[in-house]
C-alpha atoms as a PDB file:
ATOM      1  CA  UNK A   1    -112.976 -16.915  91.880  1.00  0.00           C
ATOM      2  CA  UNK A   2    -112.750 -14.820  88.740  1.00  0.00           C
ATOM      3  CA  UNK A   3    -109.218 -14.000  87.739  1.00  0.00           C
ATOM      4  CA  UNK A   4    -108.618 -10.492  86.433  1.00  0.00           C
ATOM      5  CA  UNK A   5    -107.101 -10.021  83.000  1.00  0.00           C
ATOM      6  CA  UNK A   6    -104.138  -8.286  84.632  1.00  0.00           C
ATOM      7  CA  UNK A   7    -103.420 -11.356  86.785  1.00  0.00           C
ATOM      8  CA  UNK A   8    -103.822 -13.658  83.798  1.00  0.00           C
ATOM      9  CA  UNK A   9    -101.432 -11.512  81.765  1.00  0.00           C
ATOM     10  CA  UNK A  10     -98.731 -12.027  84.376  1.00  0.00           C
ATOM     11  CA  UNK A  11     -99.174 -15.809  84.114  1.00  0.00           C
ATOM     12  CA  UNK A  12     -98.779 -15.967  80.324  1.00  0.00           C
ATOM     13  CA  UNK A  13     -95.596 -17.864  79.382  1.00  0.00           C
ATOM     14  CA  UNK A  14     -92.679 -15.808  78.159  1.00  0.00           C
ATOM     15  CA  UNK A  15     -91.729 -16.440  74.548  1.00  0.00           C
ATOM     16  CA  UNK A  16     -89.501 -13.922  72.761  1.00  0.00           C
ATOM     17  CA  UNK A  17     -91.441 -12.614  69.762  1.00  0.00           C
ATOM     18  CA  UNK A  18     -88.704 -13.573  67.322  1.00  0.00           C
ATOM     19  CA  UNK A  19     -88.964 -17.268  68.322  1.00  0.00           C
ATOM     20  CA  UNK A  20     -92.717 -17.568  67.874  1.00  0.00           C
ATOM     21  CA  UNK A  21     -94.461 -18.682  64.719  1.00  0.00           C
ATOM     22  CA  UNK A  22     -96.461 -15.739  63.346  1.00  0.00           C
ATOM     23  CA  UNK A  23     -99.862 -17.238  64.120  1.00  0.00           C
ATOM     24  CA  UNK A  24     -99.017 -17.879  67.786  1.00  0.00           C
ATOM     25  CA  UNK A  25     -97.627 -14.382  68.288  1.00  0.00           C
ATOM     26  CA  UNK A  26    -100.639 -12.889  66.502  1.00  0.00           C
ATOM     27  CA  UNK A  27    -103.045 -14.754  68.806  1.00  0.00           C
ATOM     28  CA  UNK A  28    -101.156 -13.595  71.892  1.00  0.00           C
ATOM     29  CA  UNK A  29    -101.207  -9.992  70.631  1.00  0.00           C
ATOM     30  CA  UNK A  30    -104.940 -10.307  70.003  1.00  0.00           C
ATOM     31  CA  UNK A  31    -105.518 -11.592  73.552  1.00  0.00           C
ATOM     32  CA  UNK A  32    -103.551  -8.699  75.068  1.00  0.00           C
ATOM     33  CA  UNK A  33    -105.320  -6.155  72.834  1.00  0.00           C
ATOM     34  CA  UNK A  34    -108.749  -7.502  73.766  1.00  0.00           C
ATOM     35  CA  UNK A  35    -107.883  -7.488  77.457  1.00  0.00           C
ATOM     36  CA  UNK A  36    -106.561  -3.917  77.342  1.00  0.00           C
ATOM     37  CA  UNK A  37    -109.622  -2.754  75.410  1.00  0.00           C
ATOM     38  CA  UNK A  38    -112.067  -4.454  77.779  1.00  0.00           C
ATOM     39  CA  UNK A  39    -110.325  -3.135  80.896  1.00  0.00           C
ATOM     40  CA  UNK A  40    -110.427   0.382  79.449  1.00  0.00           C
ATOM     41  CA  UNK A  41    -114.108   0.086  78.555  1.00  0.00           C
ATOM     42  CA  UNK A  42    -114.852  -1.009  82.112  1.00  0.00           C
ATOM     43  CA  UNK A  43    -112.940   1.940  83.592  1.00  0.00           C
ATOM     44  CA  UNK A  44    -110.127  -0.261  84.903  1.00  0.00           C
ATOM     45  CA  UNK A  45    -107.274   1.848  83.532  1.00  0.00           C
ATOM     46  CA  UNK A  46    -104.766   0.481  86.046  1.00  0.00           C
ATOM     47  CA  UNK A  47    -105.469  -3.060  84.846  1.00  0.00           C
ATOM     48  CA  UNK A  48    -105.149  -1.896  81.228  1.00  0.00           C
ATOM     49  CA  UNK A  49    -101.741  -0.411  82.045  1.00  0.00           C
ATOM     50  CA  UNK A  50    -100.647  -3.587  83.872  1.00  0.00           C
ATOM     51  CA  UNK A  51    -101.665  -5.735  80.895  1.00  0.00           C
ATOM     52  CA  UNK A  52     -99.802  -3.378  78.535  1.00  0.00           C
ATOM     53  CA  UNK A  53     -96.664  -3.685  80.676  1.00  0.00           C
ATOM     54  CA  UNK A  54     -96.958  -7.489  80.730  1.00  0.00           C
ATOM     55  CA  UNK A  55     -97.364  -7.495  76.947  1.00  0.00           C
ATOM     56  CA  UNK A  56     -94.141  -5.548  76.521  1.00  0.00           C
ATOM     57  CA  UNK A  57     -92.329  -7.768  79.043  1.00  0.00           C
ATOM     58  CA  UNK A  58     -93.316 -10.787  76.943  1.00  0.00           C
ATOM     59  CA  UNK A  59     -91.848  -9.009  73.901  1.00  0.00           C
ATOM     60  CA  UNK A  60     -95.207  -8.837  72.148  1.00  0.00           C
ATOM     61  CA  UNK A  61     -95.016  -5.679  70.068  1.00  0.00           C
ATOM     62  CA  UNK A  62     -97.936  -3.288  70.668  1.00  0.00           C
ATOM     63  CA  UNK A  63     -99.754  -2.015  67.578  1.00  0.00           C
ATOM     64  CA  UNK A  64    -101.961   0.976  66.798  1.00  0.00           C
ATOM     65  CA  UNK A  65    -105.056  -0.659  68.329  1.00  0.00           C
ATOM     66  CA  UNK A  66    -103.111  -1.389  71.526  1.00  0.00           C
ATOM     67  CA  UNK A  67    -102.036   2.215  71.994  1.00  0.00           C
ATOM     68  CA  UNK A  68    -105.428   3.635  71.018  1.00  0.00           C
ATOM     69  CA  UNK A  69    -107.167   1.383  73.562  1.00  0.00           C
ATOM     70  CA  UNK A  70    -104.760   2.314  76.328  1.00  0.00           C
ATOM     71  CA  UNK A  71    -104.847   6.038  75.539  1.00  0.00           C
ATOM     72  CA  UNK A  72    -108.648   5.938  75.590  1.00  0.00           C
ATOM     73  CA  UNK A  73    -108.549   4.164  78.958  1.00  0.00           C
ATOM     74  CA  UNK A  74    -106.253   6.886  80.336  1.00  0.00           C
ATOM     75  CA  UNK A  75    -108.480   9.661  79.010  1.00  0.00           C
ATOM     76  CA  UNK A  76    -111.564   8.193  80.669  1.00  0.00           C
ATOM     77  CA  UNK A  77    -110.182   8.340  84.210  1.00  0.00           C
ATOM     78  CA  UNK A  78    -112.903  10.057  86.290  1.00  0.00           C
ATOM     79  CA  UNK A  79    -110.699  12.784  87.760  1.00  0.00           C
ATOM     80  CA  UNK A  80    -108.687  13.258  84.542  1.00  0.00           C
ATOM     81  CA  UNK A  81    -105.404  12.726  86.378  1.00  0.00           C
ATOM     82  CA  UNK A  82    -103.891  10.415  83.763  1.00  0.00           C
ATOM     83  CA  UNK A  83    -103.773  12.830  80.811  1.00  0.00           C
ATOM     84  CA  UNK A  84     -99.990  13.117  81.158  1.00  0.00           C
ATOM     85  CA  UNK A  85     -99.624   9.342  80.708  1.00  0.00           C
ATOM     86  CA  UNK A  86    -101.866   9.572  77.641  1.00  0.00           C
ATOM     87  CA  UNK A  87     -99.472  12.073  76.110  1.00  0.00           C
ATOM     88  CA  UNK A  88     -96.467   9.872  76.962  1.00  0.00           C
ATOM     89  CA  UNK A  89     -98.144   6.883  75.310  1.00  0.00           C
ATOM     90  CA  UNK A  90     -99.015   8.966  72.258  1.00  0.00           C
ATOM     91  CA  UNK A  91     -95.356  10.042  71.928  1.00  0.00           C
ATOM     92  CA  UNK A  92     -94.167   6.435  72.361  1.00  0.00           C
ATOM     93  CA  UNK A  93     -96.597   5.381  69.657  1.00  0.00           C
ATOM     94  CA  UNK A  94     -95.257   8.019  67.269  1.00  0.00           C
ATOM     95  CA  UNK A  95     -91.650   7.041  68.020  1.00  0.00           C
ATOM     96  CA  UNK A  96     -92.508   3.495  66.907  1.00  0.00           C
ATOM     97  CA  UNK A  97     -93.832   4.866  63.638  1.00  0.00           C
ATOM     98  CA  UNK A  98     -97.442   4.041  64.458  1.00  0.00           C
ATOM     99  CA  UNK A  99    -100.194   6.483  63.524  1.00  0.00           C
ATOM    100  CA  UNK A 100    -103.400   6.847  65.515  1.00  0.00           C
ATOM    101  CA  UNK A 101    -106.602   6.082  63.663  1.00  0.00           C
END
């Protein structure tokens, strides 16, 4: 049985970001970013959103790439119904001082 990235994200251990050595936190952020990007590329925007939520619950701070990947996933929804969430994510990104690239 192949486990989805969203299910795997929920199983990741919880370590507050401030208590992690930089390299461990960076690897976890990279895993979440890759999973969000892949889910978005495959049209699985709900999984991308679930992974993003799990990332934030684990206190892994999203970065520009994270938001860009998720916004792209929301924009590629076949019926276009998630454009409002894209705008919300864009605003959240700006509030954190991150600039889209």
